[in-house]
Amino acid sequence: MTPRTREQFQAMRVRTREKILDRSLVLFANKGFHGTSIQMIAEAAGISKGLIYSHFKSKDDLLEAIIRQGFEIMERETAGSADPDPAAYLANLIEDYYRMLLKHETFWQLYMGLMFQPGIVLRYKEVMMEYYERMVSEYARIFRALGVKNANLEARLLGAIFDGIAINYFFDRERFPLKRMKKILLRRYLPDR
């Protein structure tokens, strides 16, 4: 058997890190941060606890990495939504929100769950606010281009509406009218479309 190359070791390390993040995300979303132990994550990932600690300093560090990765994915997936027409751009962002809510349900379930755990949310508030402020700033820019008065307030309202939709959807998936809510939101902000 030939020894592994440096690139092979690096690829293995990346795959292991991704596996840890993926399994942790599911466990944190379903069992909560406090209800999930490093041992549970290790078992779900099929690795040792020590290997987890070679990638992450602590369970807190792991959760922060999951939050950052989730937001990076969201920003990357909406990067192509920009459109010179502000109305089209806003429509794209609203469509993207719904698409990402369904595509990344586990992340959003975790994120919404963290919002209701004061001890946890305060620890990660800065990380969460970085994303939120970028998002709200972009919405405000679009609203200003559309001539909306109080564009900053309207941008915060849209962010709050998105959070409320996610909370209600995860609370009662079977009965929450997700598709109808999207139509109402599009009509509210883009009545001429």
N, C-alpha and C. Protein backbone atom coordinates (compact mmCIF):
# COMPACT_ATOMS: atom_id res chain seq x y z
N MET A 1 0.84 -1.18 0.00
CA MET A 1 0.00 0.00 0.00
C MET A 1 0.89 1.25 0.00
N THR A 2 0.63 2.14 -0.92
CA THR A 2 1.44 3.36 -1.01
C THR A 2 0.95 4.39 0.00
N PRO A 3 1.87 5.15 0.54
CA PRO A 3 1.47 6.18 1.51
C PRO A 3 0.59 7.23 0.85
N ARG A 4 -0.29 7.81 1.65
CA ARG A 4 -1.18 8.86 1.12
C ARG A 4 -0.39 10.14 0.89
N THR A 5 -0.82 10.86 -0.11
CA THR A 5 -0.18 12.14 -0.40
C THR A 5 -0.77 13.21 0.53
N ARG A 6 -0.11 14.33 0.54
CA ARG A 6 -0.59 15.46 1.33
C ARG A 6 -1.99 15.88 0.88
N GLU A 7 -2.22 15.87 -0.43
CA GLU A 7 -3.53 16.24 -0.98
C GLU A 7 -4.61 15.25 -0.55
N GLN A 8 -4.26 13.96 -0.51
CA GLN A 8 -5.22 12.96 -0.08
C GLN A 8 -5.59 13.15 1.40
N PHE A 9 -4.60 13.44 2.23
CA PHE A 9 -4.87 13.70 3.64
C PHE A 9 -5.75 14.94 3.79
N GLN A 10 -5.46 15.97 3.02
CA GLN A 10 -6.27 17.19 3.10
C GLN A 10 -7.70 16.91 2.65
N ALA A 11 -7.88 16.14 1.59
CA ALA A 11 -9.23 15.79 1.11
C ALA A 11 -9.98 14.99 2.17
N MET A 12 -9.29 14.05 2.83
CA MET A 12 -9.91 13.27 3.91
C MET A 12 -10.32 14.18 5.06
N ARG A 13 -9.47 15.13 5.38
CA ARG A 13 -9.76 16.07 6.47
C ARG A 13 -11.00 16.92 6.15
N VAL A 14 -11.08 17.38 4.92
CA VAL A 14 -12.24 18.17 4.50
C VAL A 14 -13.51 17.33 4.56
N ARG A 15 -13.46 16.09 4.07
CA ARG A 15 -14.63 15.21 4.11
C ARG A 15 -15.06 14.93 5.55
N THR A 16 -14.10 14.71 6.42
CA THR A 16 -14.42 14.45 7.83
C THR A 16 -15.08 15.68 8.46
N ARG A 17 -14.53 16.85 8.19
CA ARG A 17 -15.10 18.09 8.74
C ARG A 17 -16.53 18.27 8.26
N GLU A 18 -16.77 18.04 6.97
CA GLU A 18 -18.12 18.16 6.41
C GLU A 18 -19.08 17.16 7.05
N LYS A 19 -18.61 15.95 7.28
CA LYS A 19 -19.44 14.93 7.92
C LYS A 19 -19.81 15.36 9.34
N ILE A 20 -18.84 15.90 10.06
CA ILE A 20 -19.10 16.39 11.43
C ILE A 20 -20.14 17.51 11.39
N LEU A 21 -19.96 18.46 10.48
CA LEU A 21 -20.91 19.57 10.37
C LEU A 21 -22.30 19.07 10.00
N ASP A 22 -22.39 18.17 9.04
CA ASP A 22 -23.69 17.65 8.60
C ASP A 22 -24.41 16.92 9.72
N ARG A 23 -23.72 16.02 10.40
CA ARG A 23 -24.35 15.23 11.47
C ARG A 23 -24.71 16.12 12.66
N SER A 24 -23.86 17.08 12.96
CA SER A 24 -24.14 18.01 14.06
C SER A 24 -25.36 18.86 13.76
N LEU A 25 -25.47 19.34 12.54
CA LEU A 25 -26.61 20.16 12.14
C LEU A 25 -27.90 19.41 12.40
N VAL A 26 -27.97 18.17 11.96
CA VAL A 26 -29.19 17.37 12.14
C VAL A 26 -29.48 17.16 13.62
N LEU A 27 -28.46 16.79 14.38
CA LEU A 27 -28.66 16.55 15.81
C LEU A 27 -29.06 17.83 16.54
N PHE A 28 -28.37 18.94 16.29
CA PHE A 28 -28.70 20.20 16.95
C PHE A 28 -30.13 20.64 16.59
N ALA A 29 -30.51 20.46 15.32
CA ALA A 29 -31.85 20.88 14.88
C ALA A 29 -32.93 20.02 15.53
N ASN A 30 -32.67 18.73 15.70
CA ASN A 30 -33.69 17.82 16.22
C ASN A 30 -33.67 17.64 17.73
N LYS A 31 -32.50 17.73 18.34
CA LYS A 31 -32.40 17.48 19.78
C LYS A 31 -32.03 18.73 20.57
N GLY A 32 -31.70 19.80 19.87
CA GLY A 32 -31.29 21.02 20.53
C GLY A 32 -29.80 21.00 20.83
N PHE A 33 -29.26 22.18 21.06
CA PHE A 33 -27.83 22.30 21.35
C PHE A 33 -27.48 21.58 22.66
N HIS A 34 -28.26 21.85 23.69
CA HIS A 34 -27.97 21.25 25.00
C HIS A 34 -28.30 19.76 25.02
N GLY A 35 -29.20 19.32 24.18
CA GLY A 35 -29.58 17.91 24.14
C GLY A 35 -28.66 17.05 23.29
N THR A 36 -27.67 17.67 22.70
CA THR A 36 -26.72 16.95 21.84
C THR A 36 -25.34 16.97 22.47
N SER A 37 -24.76 15.81 22.61
CA SER A 37 -23.41 15.72 23.17
C SER A 37 -22.40 15.47 22.05
N ILE A 38 -21.15 15.73 22.34
CA ILE A 38 -20.08 15.43 21.39
C ILE A 38 -20.05 13.93 21.10
N GLN A 39 -20.34 13.12 22.12
CA GLN A 39 -20.37 11.67 21.93
C GLN A 39 -21.46 11.28 20.92
N MET A 40 -22.62 11.92 21.00
CA MET A 40 -23.70 11.64 20.05
C MET A 40 -23.27 12.01 18.63
N ILE A 41 -22.59 13.14 18.50
CA ILE A 41 -22.12 13.57 17.18
C ILE A 41 -21.09 12.57 16.64
N ALA A 42 -20.17 12.17 17.49
CA ALA A 42 -19.14 11.21 17.09
C ALA A 42 -19.78 9.91 16.60
N GLU A 43 -20.76 9.41 17.34
CA GLU A 43 -21.44 8.18 16.94
C GLU A 43 -22.18 8.35 15.62
N ALA A 44 -22.87 9.47 15.45
CA ALA A 44 -23.60 9.72 14.20
C ALA A 44 -22.66 9.83 13.01
N ALA A 45 -21.47 10.39 13.24
CA ALA A 45 -20.49 10.56 12.16
C ALA A 45 -19.61 9.33 11.98
N GLY A 46 -19.68 8.40 12.92
CA GLY A 46 -18.84 7.20 12.84
C GLY A 46 -17.37 7.48 13.06
N ILE A 47 -17.09 8.42 13.96
CA ILE A 47 -15.70 8.80 14.25
C ILE A 47 -15.52 8.92 15.76
N SER A 48 -14.31 9.17 16.19
CA SER A 48 -14.05 9.33 17.63
C SER A 48 -14.29 10.78 18.06
N LYS A 49 -14.53 10.95 19.36
CA LYS A 49 -14.68 12.30 19.91
C LYS A 49 -13.41 13.11 19.68
N GLY A 50 -12.26 12.43 19.82
CA GLY A 50 -10.99 13.12 19.63
C GLY A 50 -10.85 13.71 18.24
N LEU A 51 -11.38 13.00 17.24
CA LEU A 51 -11.30 13.51 15.87
C LEU A 51 -12.15 14.78 15.72
N ILE A 52 -13.27 14.83 16.42
CA ILE A 52 -14.08 16.05 16.39
C ILE A 52 -13.28 17.21 16.96
N TYR A 53 -12.60 16.96 18.08
CA TYR A 53 -11.82 18.02 18.72
C TYR A 53 -10.58 18.41 17.91
N SER A 54 -10.18 17.58 16.97
CA SER A 54 -9.08 17.99 16.10
C SER A 54 -9.55 18.97 15.03
N HIS A 55 -10.88 19.05 14.85
CA HIS A 55 -11.47 19.98 13.88
C HIS A 55 -12.09 21.21 14.55
N PHE A 56 -12.63 21.02 15.75
CA PHE A 56 -13.34 22.08 16.46
C PHE A 56 -12.90 22.11 17.92
N LYS A 57 -12.67 23.31 18.45
CA LYS A 57 -12.19 23.44 19.83
C LYS A 57 -13.24 22.98 20.85
N SER A 58 -14.51 23.19 20.51
CA SER A 58 -15.58 22.90 21.46
C SER A 58 -16.89 22.73 20.71
N LYS A 59 -17.92 22.35 21.44
CA LYS A 59 -19.25 22.24 20.86
C LYS A 59 -19.74 23.62 20.42
N ASP A 60 -19.38 24.65 21.18
CA ASP A 60 -19.74 26.03 20.80
C ASP A 60 -19.09 26.41 19.48
N ASP A 61 -17.82 26.06 19.32
CA ASP A 61 -17.09 26.34 18.09
C ASP A 61 -17.75 25.63 16.91
N LEU A 62 -18.19 24.41 17.14
CA LEU A 62 -18.87 23.62 16.11
C LEU A 62 -20.18 24.29 15.70
N LEU A 63 -20.97 24.72 16.67
CA LEU A 63 -22.23 25.39 16.35
C LEU A 63 -21.98 26.68 15.57
N GLU A 64 -20.98 27.44 15.97
CA GLU A 64 -20.67 28.66 15.23
C GLU A 64 -20.30 28.35 13.78
N ALA A 65 -19.54 27.29 13.57
CA ALA A 65 -19.16 26.89 12.21
C ALA A 65 -20.40 26.50 11.40
N ILE A 66 -21.36 25.84 12.02
CA ILE A 66 -22.60 25.47 11.33
C ILE A 66 -23.38 26.71 10.94
N ILE A 67 -23.49 27.66 11.85
CA ILE A 67 -24.23 28.90 11.58
C ILE A 67 -23.56 29.65 10.44
N ARG A 68 -22.24 29.81 10.52
CA ARG A 68 -21.53 30.53 9.46
C ARG A 68 -21.67 29.82 8.11
N GLN A 69 -21.52 28.51 8.11
CA GLN A 69 -21.65 27.75 6.87
C GLN A 69 -23.06 27.92 6.28
N GLY A 70 -24.07 27.85 7.13
CA GLY A 70 -25.45 28.02 6.64
C GLY A 70 -25.67 29.37 5.98
N PHE A 71 -25.18 30.43 6.61
CA PHE A 71 -25.34 31.76 6.04
C PHE A 71 -24.52 31.92 4.76
N GLU A 72 -23.34 31.34 4.72
CA GLU A 72 -22.52 31.39 3.50
C GLU A 72 -23.24 30.71 2.34
N ILE A 73 -23.88 29.58 2.62
CA ILE A 73 -24.64 28.87 1.58
C ILE A 73 -25.78 29.75 1.09
N MET A 74 -26.51 30.38 2.01
CA MET A 74 -27.63 31.24 1.62
C MET A 74 -27.16 32.40 0.74
N GLU A 75 -26.07 33.04 1.15
CA GLU A 75 -25.56 34.16 0.36
C GLU A 75 -25.07 33.70 -1.01
N ARG A 76 -24.41 32.57 -1.05
CA ARG A 76 -23.91 32.05 -2.32
C ARG A 76 -25.08 31.72 -3.25
N GLU A 77 -26.14 31.13 -2.69
CA GLU A 77 -27.27 30.72 -3.52
C GLU A 77 -28.14 31.89 -3.98
N THR A 78 -28.05 33.03 -3.31
CA THR A 78 -28.82 34.19 -3.76
C THR A 78 -27.97 35.15 -4.58
N ALA A 79 -26.69 34.88 -4.71
CA ALA A 79 -25.79 35.78 -5.45
C ALA A 79 -26.24 35.98 -6.89
N GLY A 80 -26.83 34.98 -7.48
CA GLY A 80 -27.27 35.09 -8.88
C GLY A 80 -28.62 35.75 -9.04
N SER A 81 -29.22 36.19 -7.95
CA SER A 81 -30.56 36.78 -8.01
C SER A 81 -30.57 38.24 -8.41
N ALA A 82 -29.41 38.87 -8.33
CA ALA A 82 -29.33 40.30 -8.65
C ALA A 82 -29.87 40.55 -10.05
N ASP A 83 -30.57 41.65 -10.17
CA ASP A 83 -31.16 42.04 -11.44
C ASP A 83 -31.14 43.56 -11.47
N PRO A 84 -30.83 44.17 -12.62
CA PRO A 84 -30.82 45.64 -12.67
C PRO A 84 -32.19 46.25 -12.37
N ASP A 85 -33.25 45.50 -12.65
CA ASP A 85 -34.60 45.97 -12.35
C ASP A 85 -34.89 45.65 -10.88
N PRO A 86 -35.05 46.67 -10.01
CA PRO A 86 -35.24 46.41 -8.59
C PRO A 86 -36.47 45.55 -8.28
N ALA A 87 -37.53 45.70 -9.05
CA ALA A 87 -38.74 44.88 -8.82
C ALA A 87 -38.43 43.41 -9.12
N ALA A 88 -37.73 43.15 -10.19
CA ALA A 88 -37.37 41.77 -10.53
C ALA A 88 -36.41 41.21 -9.48
N TYR A 89 -35.50 42.03 -9.01
CA TYR A 89 -34.54 41.59 -7.99
C TYR A 89 -35.28 41.22 -6.71
N LEU A 90 -36.22 42.06 -6.28
CA LEU A 90 -36.99 41.77 -5.07
C LEU A 90 -37.81 40.49 -5.26
N ALA A 91 -38.42 40.34 -6.41
CA ALA A 91 -39.18 39.10 -6.68
C ALA A 91 -38.26 37.89 -6.61
N ASN A 92 -37.07 38.00 -7.16
CA ASN A 92 -36.10 36.90 -7.10
C ASN A 92 -35.73 36.57 -5.66
N LEU A 93 -35.50 37.59 -4.84
CA LEU A 93 -35.12 37.36 -3.45
C LEU A 93 -36.25 36.70 -2.65
N ILE A 94 -37.48 37.11 -2.92
CA ILE A 94 -38.62 36.48 -2.23
C ILE A 94 -38.74 35.02 -2.67
N GLU A 95 -38.61 34.76 -3.95
CA GLU A 95 -38.64 33.38 -4.46
C GLU A 95 -37.49 32.58 -3.84
N ASP A 96 -36.31 33.19 -3.78
CA ASP A 96 -35.14 32.52 -3.19
C ASP A 96 -35.38 32.15 -1.74
N TYR A 97 -36.00 33.05 -1.00
CA TYR A 97 -36.25 32.77 0.42
C TYR A 97 -37.07 31.49 0.56
N TYR A 98 -38.14 31.39 -0.19
CA TYR A 98 -39.00 30.20 -0.09
C TYR A 98 -38.26 28.94 -0.56
N ARG A 99 -37.50 29.07 -1.63
CA ARG A 99 -36.75 27.93 -2.13
C ARG A 99 -35.74 27.45 -1.09
N MET A 100 -35.03 28.40 -0.48
CA MET A 100 -34.01 28.03 0.51
C MET A 100 -34.64 27.52 1.81
N LEU A 101 -35.80 28.03 2.17
CA LEU A 101 -36.47 27.54 3.36
C LEU A 101 -36.76 26.04 3.21
N LEU A 102 -37.19 25.64 2.04
CA LEU A 102 -37.50 24.23 1.80
C LEU A 102 -36.24 23.41 1.53
N LYS A 103 -35.31 23.95 0.80
CA LYS A 103 -34.09 23.21 0.46
C LYS A 103 -33.19 22.98 1.68
N HIS A 104 -33.17 23.95 2.57
CA HIS A 104 -32.29 23.90 3.74
C HIS A 104 -33.11 23.89 5.03
N GLU A 105 -34.16 23.08 5.05
CA GLU A 105 -35.06 23.05 6.20
C GLU A 105 -34.34 22.80 7.52
N THR A 106 -33.38 21.88 7.52
CA THR A 106 -32.71 21.54 8.76
C THR A 106 -31.96 22.74 9.32
N PHE A 107 -31.27 23.48 8.46
CA PHE A 107 -30.57 24.67 8.93
C PHE A 107 -31.54 25.68 9.50
N TRP A 108 -32.64 25.95 8.77
CA TRP A 108 -33.59 26.95 9.24
C TRP A 108 -34.30 26.49 10.52
N GLN A 109 -34.53 25.19 10.65
CA GLN A 109 -35.11 24.67 11.89
C GLN A 109 -34.16 24.93 13.06
N LEU A 110 -32.88 24.68 12.84
CA LEU A 110 -31.89 24.97 13.88
C LEU A 110 -31.86 26.47 14.19
N TYR A 111 -31.76 27.29 13.17
CA TYR A 111 -31.68 28.74 13.33
C TYR A 111 -32.87 29.27 14.12
N MET A 112 -34.07 28.86 13.74
CA MET A 112 -35.27 29.33 14.44
C MET A 112 -35.28 28.82 15.88
N GLY A 113 -34.84 27.60 16.10
CA GLY A 113 -34.76 27.06 17.46
C GLY A 113 -33.80 27.84 18.33
N LEU A 114 -32.68 28.25 17.75
CA LEU A 114 -31.70 29.03 18.51
C LEU A 114 -32.25 30.38 18.93
N MET A 115 -33.12 30.94 18.12
CA MET A 115 -33.68 32.26 18.42
C MET A 115 -34.47 32.28 19.73
N PHE A 116 -34.96 31.11 20.15
CA PHE A 116 -35.77 31.04 21.35
C PHE A 116 -35.01 30.48 22.56
N GLN A 117 -33.69 30.45 22.45
CA GLN A 117 -32.85 30.01 23.56
C GLN A 117 -31.92 31.17 23.92
N PRO A 118 -32.37 32.04 24.85
CA PRO A 118 -31.61 33.26 25.15
C PRO A 118 -30.13 33.04 25.43
N GLY A 119 -29.79 32.02 26.20
CA GLY A 119 -28.39 31.78 26.50
C GLY A 119 -27.57 31.44 25.28
N ILE A 120 -28.19 30.79 24.33
CA ILE A 120 -27.50 30.40 23.10
C ILE A 120 -27.48 31.56 22.11
N VAL A 121 -28.63 32.16 21.87
CA VAL A 121 -28.70 33.20 20.84
C VAL A 121 -27.79 34.38 21.19
N LEU A 122 -27.65 34.70 22.46
CA LEU A 122 -26.76 35.81 22.84
C LEU A 122 -25.30 35.47 22.53
N ARG A 123 -24.93 34.21 22.66
CA ARG A 123 -23.56 33.79 22.35
C ARG A 123 -23.24 33.95 20.87
N TYR A 124 -24.25 33.76 20.03
CA TYR A 124 -24.03 33.79 18.58
C TYR A 124 -24.68 34.99 17.90
N LYS A 125 -25.13 35.93 18.70
CA LYS A 125 -25.83 37.11 18.17
C LYS A 125 -24.98 37.85 17.14
N GLU A 126 -23.71 38.04 17.44
CA GLU A 126 -22.84 38.77 16.52
C GLU A 126 -22.74 38.08 15.17
N VAL A 127 -22.58 36.77 15.18
CA VAL A 127 -22.49 36.00 13.93
C VAL A 127 -23.79 36.10 13.16
N MET A 128 -24.91 35.95 13.86
CA MET A 128 -26.22 36.03 13.21
C MET A 128 -26.50 37.42 12.68
N MET A 129 -26.10 38.45 13.44
CA MET A 129 -26.37 39.82 13.03
C MET A 129 -25.55 40.23 11.82
N GLU A 130 -24.37 39.66 11.66
CA GLU A 130 -23.57 39.95 10.46
C GLU A 130 -24.38 39.63 9.21
N TYR A 131 -24.97 38.46 9.18
CA TYR A 131 -25.78 38.03 8.04
C TYR A 131 -27.05 38.87 7.93
N TYR A 132 -27.74 39.03 9.06
CA TYR A 132 -29.00 39.76 9.06
C TYR A 132 -28.81 41.20 8.56
N GLU A 133 -27.76 41.87 9.03
CA GLU A 133 -27.53 43.25 8.61
C GLU A 133 -27.20 43.34 7.12
N ARG A 134 -26.44 42.40 6.59
CA ARG A 134 -26.17 42.40 5.15
C ARG A 134 -27.46 42.20 4.36
N MET A 135 -28.29 41.27 4.83
CA MET A 135 -29.55 40.99 4.16
C MET A 135 -30.47 42.21 4.19
N VAL A 136 -30.65 42.79 5.36
CA VAL A 136 -31.54 43.95 5.51
C VAL A 136 -31.01 45.14 4.72
N SER A 137 -29.71 45.31 4.70
CA SER A 137 -29.11 46.39 3.93
C SER A 137 -29.41 46.24 2.43
N GLU A 138 -29.35 45.01 1.96
CA GLU A 138 -29.66 44.76 0.53
C GLU A 138 -31.14 45.01 0.25
N TYR A 139 -32.01 44.57 1.15
CA TYR A 139 -33.45 44.82 0.97
C TYR A 139 -33.71 46.33 0.96
N ALA A 140 -33.07 47.07 1.87
CA ALA A 140 -33.26 48.52 1.94
C ALA A 140 -32.80 49.19 0.65
N ARG A 141 -31.68 48.72 0.11
CA ARG A 141 -31.18 49.27 -1.15
C ARG A 141 -32.22 49.08 -2.27
N ILE A 142 -32.82 47.91 -2.31
CA ILE A 142 -33.83 47.61 -3.33
C ILE A 142 -35.06 48.49 -3.11
N PHE A 143 -35.51 48.60 -1.85
CA PHE A 143 -36.68 49.42 -1.57
C PHE A 143 -36.44 50.88 -1.91
N ARG A 144 -35.23 51.38 -1.65
CA ARG A 144 -34.91 52.77 -2.05
C ARG A 144 -35.01 52.91 -3.57
N ALA A 145 -34.49 51.93 -4.29
CA ALA A 145 -34.55 51.98 -5.76
C ALA A 145 -36.00 51.92 -6.26
N LEU A 146 -36.87 51.29 -5.48
CA LEU A 146 -38.29 51.24 -5.85
C LEU A 146 -39.05 52.48 -5.39
N GLY A 147 -38.36 53.38 -4.69
CA GLY A 147 -38.99 54.62 -4.23
C GLY A 147 -39.83 54.45 -2.97
N VAL A 148 -39.57 53.41 -2.19
CA VAL A 148 -40.33 53.17 -0.96
C VAL A 148 -39.86 54.13 0.12
N LYS A 149 -40.82 54.83 0.76
CA LYS A 149 -40.48 55.69 1.89
C LYS A 149 -40.08 54.79 3.05
N ASN A 150 -39.18 55.27 3.86
CA ASN A 150 -38.71 54.49 5.01
C ASN A 150 -38.20 53.11 4.58
N ALA A 151 -37.34 53.11 3.59
CA ALA A 151 -36.82 51.86 3.01
C ALA A 151 -36.15 50.99 4.07
N ASN A 152 -35.45 51.60 5.02
CA ASN A 152 -34.78 50.81 6.06
C ASN A 152 -35.79 50.09 6.95
N LEU A 153 -36.86 50.78 7.33
CA LEU A 153 -37.90 50.14 8.14
C LEU A 153 -38.61 49.04 7.35
N GLU A 154 -38.87 49.31 6.10
CA GLU A 154 -39.55 48.31 5.27
C GLU A 154 -38.66 47.07 5.10
N ALA A 155 -37.37 47.29 5.01
CA ALA A 155 -36.43 46.16 4.90
C ALA A 155 -36.45 45.32 6.17
N ARG A 156 -36.49 45.96 7.33
CA ARG A 156 -36.57 45.23 8.59
C ARG A 156 -37.90 44.49 8.71
N LEU A 157 -38.97 45.12 8.23
CA LEU A 157 -40.27 44.46 8.24
C LEU A 157 -40.24 43.20 7.38
N LEU A 158 -39.64 43.28 6.21
CA LEU A 158 -39.55 42.11 5.34
C LEU A 158 -38.74 41.00 6.03
N GLY A 159 -37.64 41.36 6.68
CA GLY A 159 -36.87 40.37 7.42
C GLY A 159 -37.70 39.73 8.53
N ALA A 160 -38.49 40.53 9.23
CA ALA A 160 -39.35 40.00 10.30
C ALA A 160 -40.44 39.10 9.72
N ILE A 161 -40.97 39.48 8.58
CA ILE A 161 -41.99 38.65 7.92
C ILE A 161 -41.38 37.30 7.56
N PHE A 162 -40.18 37.31 6.99
CA PHE A 162 -39.52 36.05 6.64
C PHE A 162 -39.32 35.18 7.88
N ASP A 163 -38.87 35.78 8.99
CA ASP A 163 -38.68 35.01 10.22
C ASP A 163 -40.01 34.44 10.71
N GLY A 164 -41.05 35.26 10.66
CA GLY A 164 -42.38 34.79 11.10
C GLY A 164 -42.90 33.66 10.25
N ILE A 165 -42.67 33.74 8.96
CA ILE A 165 -43.09 32.65 8.06
C ILE A 165 -42.37 31.37 8.44
N ALA A 166 -41.07 31.45 8.65
CA ALA A 166 -40.30 30.25 9.00
C ALA A 166 -40.78 29.67 10.33
N ILE A 167 -40.98 30.50 11.33
CA ILE A 167 -41.44 30.01 12.63
C ILE A 167 -42.77 29.29 12.49
N ASN A 168 -43.71 29.90 11.81
CA ASN A 168 -45.03 29.29 11.65
C ASN A 168 -44.97 28.02 10.82
N TYR A 169 -44.15 28.02 9.79
CA TYR A 169 -44.00 26.83 8.95
C TYR A 169 -43.45 25.66 9.75
N PHE A 170 -42.39 25.90 10.54
CA PHE A 170 -41.81 24.80 11.30
C PHE A 170 -42.69 24.37 12.45
N PHE A 171 -43.54 25.26 12.94
CA PHE A 171 -44.44 24.91 14.03
C PHE A 171 -45.57 24.01 13.53
N ASP A 172 -46.05 24.27 12.31
CA ASP A 172 -47.22 23.53 11.80
C ASP A 172 -47.11 23.33 10.29
N ARG A 173 -46.14 22.51 9.89
CA ARG A 173 -45.87 22.30 8.46
C ARG A 173 -47.08 21.83 7.67
N GLU A 174 -47.87 20.94 8.27
CA GLU A 174 -49.00 20.35 7.54
C GLU A 174 -50.08 21.36 7.18
N ARG A 175 -50.29 22.34 8.06
CA ARG A 175 -51.40 23.26 7.83
C ARG A 175 -50.99 24.67 7.43
N PHE A 176 -49.72 25.00 7.58
CA PHE A 176 -49.31 26.37 7.25
C PHE A 176 -49.33 26.56 5.74
N PRO A 177 -50.03 27.59 5.25
CA PRO A 177 -50.18 27.79 3.79
C PRO A 177 -48.96 28.49 3.18
N LEU A 178 -47.86 27.78 3.08
CA LEU A 178 -46.59 28.36 2.64
C LEU A 178 -46.68 28.97 1.24
N LYS A 179 -47.24 28.24 0.29
CA LYS A 179 -47.34 28.74 -1.09
C LYS A 179 -48.23 29.97 -1.17
N ARG A 180 -49.34 29.95 -0.44
CA ARG A 180 -50.23 31.11 -0.45
C ARG A 180 -49.56 32.33 0.17
N MET A 181 -48.78 32.10 1.21
CA MET A 181 -48.06 33.21 1.85
C MET A 181 -47.08 33.85 0.88
N LYS A 182 -46.43 33.02 0.07
CA LYS A 182 -45.49 33.57 -0.92
C LYS A 182 -46.25 34.45 -1.91
N LYS A 183 -47.40 34.00 -2.37
CA LYS A 183 -48.19 34.80 -3.31
C LYS A 183 -48.62 36.12 -2.69
N ILE A 184 -49.03 36.08 -1.43
CA ILE A 184 -49.45 37.30 -0.73
C ILE A 184 -48.27 38.26 -0.60
N LEU A 185 -47.12 37.72 -0.26
CA LEU A 185 -45.92 38.56 -0.10
C LEU A 185 -45.53 39.20 -1.42
N LEU A 186 -45.55 38.42 -2.49
CA LEU A 186 -45.23 38.98 -3.81
C LEU A 186 -46.24 40.06 -4.19
N ARG A 187 -47.53 39.84 -3.92
CA ARG A 187 -48.55 40.85 -4.24
C ARG A 187 -48.37 42.09 -3.38
N ARG A 188 -47.98 41.90 -2.12
CA ARG A 188 -47.79 43.04 -1.21
C ARG A 188 -46.70 43.97 -1.71
N TYR A 189 -45.57 43.39 -2.08
CA TYR A 189 -44.43 44.20 -2.46
C TYR A 189 -44.35 44.49 -3.95
N LEU A 190 -44.98 43.68 -4.76
CA LEU A 190 -44.91 43.84 -6.20
C LEU A 190 -46.31 43.70 -6.80
N PRO A 191 -47.21 44.64 -6.48
CA PRO A 191 -48.61 44.50 -6.93
C PRO A 191 -48.79 44.54 -8.45
N ASP A 192 -47.86 45.13 -9.14
CA ASP A 192 -47.99 45.26 -10.60
C ASP A 192 -47.46 44.07 -11.38
N ARG A 193 -46.99 43.03 -10.67
CA ARG A 193 -46.41 41.87 -11.35
C ARG A 193 -47.44 40.77 -11.47
